Amino acid sequence: MVKLRLKRFGKKREASYRIVAMDSASRRDGRPLEELGIYNPRTGETRLDVPAITKRLQQGAKPTQTVHHILQRAQVYQQVNA
């Protein structure tokens, strides 16, 4: 099963995350199928590749709870249903 989840990168205590599509059985920092965006919780910055995310969601990818909230805040689900 393909999941949309966060992949950690950055220095200690200065973490930021990439939003990636990965196989659910692979490890957190393993090789992703596709990188879909960036999320920095320290600054609140979010950059998303919306067309690629909507494509993955239509193919049946399931987002984790944190990624779900990020996508809700960016109103990505309204574009999937349209």
N, C-alpha and C. Protein backbone atom coordinates (compact mmCIF):
# COMPACT_ATOMS: atom_id res chain seq x y z
N MET A 1 0.84 -1.18 0.00
CA MET A 1 0.00 0.00 0.00
C MET A 1 0.88 1.24 0.00
N VAL A 2 0.52 2.21 -0.79
CA VAL A 2 1.27 3.47 -0.86
C VAL A 2 0.70 4.44 0.17
N LYS A 3 1.61 5.06 0.93
CA LYS A 3 1.21 6.05 1.92
C LYS A 3 1.90 7.37 1.63
N LEU A 4 1.21 8.45 1.95
CA LEU A 4 1.81 9.79 1.91
C LEU A 4 2.24 10.08 3.34
N ARG A 5 3.53 10.26 3.55
CA ARG A 5 4.01 10.48 4.91
C ARG A 5 5.20 11.42 4.92
N LEU A 6 5.68 11.72 6.14
CA LEU A 6 6.79 12.65 6.30
C LEU A 6 8.11 11.92 6.37
N LYS A 7 9.13 12.48 5.73
CA LYS A 7 10.49 11.96 5.78
C LYS A 7 11.34 13.05 6.42
N ARG A 8 11.98 12.73 7.53
CA ARG A 8 12.73 13.72 8.30
C ARG A 8 14.07 14.01 7.65
N PHE A 9 14.46 15.29 7.66
CA PHE A 9 15.81 15.69 7.30
C PHE A 9 16.16 16.96 8.03
N GLY A 10 17.43 17.32 8.04
CA GLY A 10 17.88 18.50 8.77
C GLY A 10 18.74 18.11 9.95
N LYS A 11 19.24 19.12 10.64
CA LYS A 11 20.12 18.88 11.78
C LYS A 11 19.32 18.48 13.02
N LYS A 12 20.04 18.06 14.05
CA LYS A 12 19.42 17.75 15.33
C LYS A 12 18.68 18.99 15.84
N ARG A 13 17.51 18.79 16.33
CA ARG A 13 16.66 19.84 16.90
C ARG A 13 16.30 20.94 15.91
N GLU A 14 16.61 20.75 14.64
CA GLU A 14 16.22 21.68 13.59
C GLU A 14 15.60 20.90 12.44
N ALA A 15 14.74 20.01 12.78
CA ALA A 15 14.17 19.10 11.79
C ALA A 15 13.19 19.81 10.88
N SER A 16 13.20 19.40 9.64
CA SER A 16 12.15 19.74 8.71
C SER A 16 11.84 18.45 7.97
N TYR A 17 10.77 18.44 7.21
CA TYR A 17 10.28 17.19 6.64
C TYR A 17 9.96 17.35 5.17
N ARG A 18 10.10 16.25 4.45
CA ARG A 18 9.63 16.17 3.08
C ARG A 18 8.38 15.32 3.07
N ILE A 19 7.40 15.72 2.32
CA ILE A 19 6.19 14.92 2.16
C ILE A 19 6.44 14.01 0.97
N VAL A 20 6.38 12.70 1.20
CA VAL A 20 6.75 11.73 0.18
C VAL A 20 5.70 10.64 0.05
N ALA A 21 5.68 10.01 -1.12
CA ALA A 21 4.88 8.82 -1.34
C ALA A 21 5.81 7.63 -1.18
N MET A 22 5.46 6.72 -0.25
CA MET A 22 6.30 5.56 0.04
C MET A 22 5.45 4.33 0.21
N ASP A 23 6.08 3.18 0.02
CA ASP A 23 5.43 1.92 0.35
C ASP A 23 5.29 1.87 1.87
N SER A 24 4.17 1.40 2.38
CA SER A 24 3.91 1.44 3.81
C SER A 24 4.87 0.54 4.60
N ALA A 25 5.48 -0.45 3.97
CA ALA A 25 6.38 -1.36 4.67
C ALA A 25 7.81 -0.82 4.77
N SER A 26 8.14 0.24 4.04
CA SER A 26 9.51 0.74 4.07
C SER A 26 9.74 1.63 5.28
N ARG A 27 11.01 1.81 5.65
CA ARG A 27 11.35 2.59 6.84
C ARG A 27 11.14 4.08 6.61
N ARG A 28 11.11 4.84 7.69
CA ARG A 28 10.75 6.26 7.63
C ARG A 28 11.65 7.06 6.71
N ASP A 29 12.96 6.86 6.79
CA ASP A 29 13.89 7.64 5.98
C ASP A 29 14.41 6.85 4.78
N GLY A 30 13.65 5.86 4.34
CA GLY A 30 14.05 5.07 3.20
C GLY A 30 13.83 5.80 1.89
N ARG A 31 14.03 5.10 0.81
CA ARG A 31 13.90 5.71 -0.52
C ARG A 31 12.44 5.87 -0.89
N PRO A 32 12.01 7.09 -1.21
CA PRO A 32 10.59 7.32 -1.55
C PRO A 32 10.30 6.98 -3.02
N LEU A 33 9.04 6.76 -3.30
CA LEU A 33 8.60 6.60 -4.68
C LEU A 33 8.62 7.95 -5.39
N GLU A 34 8.21 9.00 -4.63
CA GLU A 34 8.13 10.35 -5.20
C GLU A 34 8.11 11.37 -4.06
N GLU A 35 8.80 12.50 -4.26
CA GLU A 35 8.76 13.59 -3.30
C GLU A 35 7.68 14.57 -3.73
N LEU A 36 6.80 14.93 -2.78
CA LEU A 36 5.62 15.71 -3.12
C LEU A 36 5.58 17.10 -2.49
N GLY A 37 6.47 17.37 -1.56
CA GLY A 37 6.45 18.69 -0.94
C GLY A 37 7.40 18.78 0.24
N ILE A 38 7.39 19.94 0.88
CA ILE A 38 8.24 20.22 2.03
C ILE A 38 7.38 20.83 3.13
N TYR A 39 7.67 20.43 4.38
CA TYR A 39 6.98 20.99 5.54
C TYR A 39 8.01 21.32 6.60
N ASN A 40 8.03 22.56 7.05
CA ASN A 40 8.94 22.98 8.12
C ASN A 40 8.10 23.42 9.30
N PRO A 41 8.03 22.62 10.37
CA PRO A 41 7.19 22.99 11.52
C PRO A 41 7.72 24.17 12.31
N ARG A 42 9.01 24.46 12.21
CA ARG A 42 9.60 25.57 12.97
C ARG A 42 9.16 26.91 12.41
N THR A 43 9.06 27.02 11.09
CA THR A 43 8.66 28.29 10.48
C THR A 43 7.22 28.26 9.98
N GLY A 44 6.64 27.07 9.91
CA GLY A 44 5.28 26.94 9.39
C GLY A 44 5.23 26.91 7.87
N GLU A 45 6.38 26.85 7.22
CA GLU A 45 6.45 26.86 5.76
C GLU A 45 5.99 25.51 5.20
N THR A 46 5.17 25.58 4.16
CA THR A 46 4.69 24.39 3.47
C THR A 46 4.73 24.65 1.97
N ARG A 47 5.42 23.78 1.25
CA ARG A 47 5.44 23.86 -0.22
C ARG A 47 4.97 22.51 -0.74
N LEU A 48 3.90 22.51 -1.55
CA LEU A 48 3.30 21.27 -2.02
C LEU A 48 3.26 21.24 -3.55
N ASP A 49 3.47 20.05 -4.09
CA ASP A 49 3.28 19.80 -5.52
C ASP A 49 1.85 19.26 -5.66
N VAL A 50 0.89 20.17 -5.72
CA VAL A 50 -0.53 19.80 -5.66
C VAL A 50 -0.96 18.85 -6.77
N PRO A 51 -0.57 19.05 -8.04
CA PRO A 51 -1.00 18.09 -9.07
C PRO A 51 -0.51 16.66 -8.80
N ALA A 52 0.72 16.53 -8.32
CA ALA A 52 1.25 15.20 -8.02
C ALA A 52 0.54 14.58 -6.81
N ILE A 53 0.21 15.39 -5.82
CA ILE A 53 -0.49 14.87 -4.64
C ILE A 53 -1.89 14.42 -5.01
N THR A 54 -2.61 15.21 -5.80
CA THR A 54 -3.96 14.81 -6.20
C THR A 54 -3.92 13.53 -7.03
N LYS A 55 -2.90 13.39 -7.88
CA LYS A 55 -2.75 12.17 -8.67
C LYS A 55 -2.57 10.96 -7.77
N ARG A 56 -1.71 11.08 -6.77
CA ARG A 56 -1.46 9.97 -5.83
C ARG A 56 -2.71 9.64 -5.02
N LEU A 57 -3.44 10.65 -4.57
CA LEU A 57 -4.66 10.41 -3.80
C LEU A 57 -5.72 9.72 -4.66
N GLN A 58 -5.84 10.08 -5.92
CA GLN A 58 -6.80 9.44 -6.81
C GLN A 58 -6.41 8.01 -7.11
N GLN A 59 -5.11 7.71 -7.04
CA GLN A 59 -4.65 6.34 -7.25
C GLN A 59 -4.84 5.46 -6.02
N GLY A 60 -5.23 6.06 -4.89
CA GLY A 60 -5.53 5.29 -3.70
C GLY A 60 -4.53 5.39 -2.58
N ALA A 61 -3.59 6.32 -2.65
CA ALA A 61 -2.61 6.49 -1.58
C ALA A 61 -3.31 7.04 -0.33
N LYS A 62 -2.91 6.55 0.83
CA LYS A 62 -3.49 6.98 2.10
C LYS A 62 -2.51 7.88 2.84
N PRO A 63 -2.92 9.09 3.21
CA PRO A 63 -2.02 9.96 3.98
C PRO A 63 -2.02 9.59 5.46
N THR A 64 -0.89 9.83 6.12
CA THR A 64 -0.84 9.66 7.56
C THR A 64 -1.65 10.80 8.19
N GLN A 65 -1.85 10.72 9.49
CA GLN A 65 -2.68 11.72 10.16
C GLN A 65 -2.08 13.12 10.04
N THR A 66 -0.76 13.24 10.22
CA THR A 66 -0.11 14.55 10.13
C THR A 66 -0.19 15.11 8.72
N VAL A 67 0.08 14.28 7.73
CA VAL A 67 0.01 14.73 6.34
C VAL A 67 -1.43 15.10 5.97
N HIS A 68 -2.38 14.36 6.51
CA HIS A 68 -3.80 14.66 6.27
C HIS A 68 -4.12 16.08 6.74
N HIS A 69 -3.64 16.46 7.92
CA HIS A 69 -3.90 17.80 8.45
C HIS A 69 -3.19 18.88 7.62
N ILE A 70 -2.00 18.59 7.14
CA ILE A 70 -1.28 19.55 6.29
C ILE A 70 -2.04 19.76 4.98
N LEU A 71 -2.53 18.67 4.40
CA LEU A 71 -3.27 18.78 3.14
C LEU A 71 -4.62 19.47 3.34
N GLN A 72 -5.25 19.23 4.49
CA GLN A 72 -6.51 19.91 4.79
C GLN A 72 -6.29 21.41 4.90
N ARG A 73 -5.23 21.81 5.60
CA ARG A 73 -4.93 23.22 5.77
C ARG A 73 -4.64 23.90 4.43
N ALA A 74 -4.04 23.17 3.49
CA ALA A 74 -3.73 23.72 2.17
C ALA A 74 -4.88 23.56 1.19
N GLN A 75 -6.00 23.00 1.62
CA GLN A 75 -7.23 22.82 0.83
C GLN A 75 -6.99 21.98 -0.42
N VAL A 76 -6.19 20.92 -0.28
CA VAL A 76 -5.89 20.03 -1.39
C VAL A 76 -7.07 19.11 -1.67
N TYR A 77 -7.79 18.70 -0.64
CA TYR A 77 -8.91 17.77 -0.81
C TYR A 77 -10.04 18.36 -1.65
N GLN A 78 -10.20 19.67 -1.62
CA GLN A 78 -11.23 20.30 -2.45
C GLN A 78 -10.88 20.14 -3.93
N GLN A 79 -9.60 20.13 -4.27
CA GLN A 79 -9.18 19.97 -5.66
C GLN A 79 -9.29 18.52 -6.12
N VAL A 80 -9.16 17.57 -5.19
CA VAL A 80 -9.29 16.16 -5.54
C VAL A 80 -10.73 15.83 -5.89
N ASN A 81 -11.67 16.38 -5.12
CA ASN A 81 -13.09 16.09 -5.32
C ASN A 81 -13.68 16.84 -6.52
N ALA A 82 -13.03 17.90 -6.95
CA ALA A 82 -13.56 18.71 -8.05
C ALA A 82 -13.38 18.06 -9.39
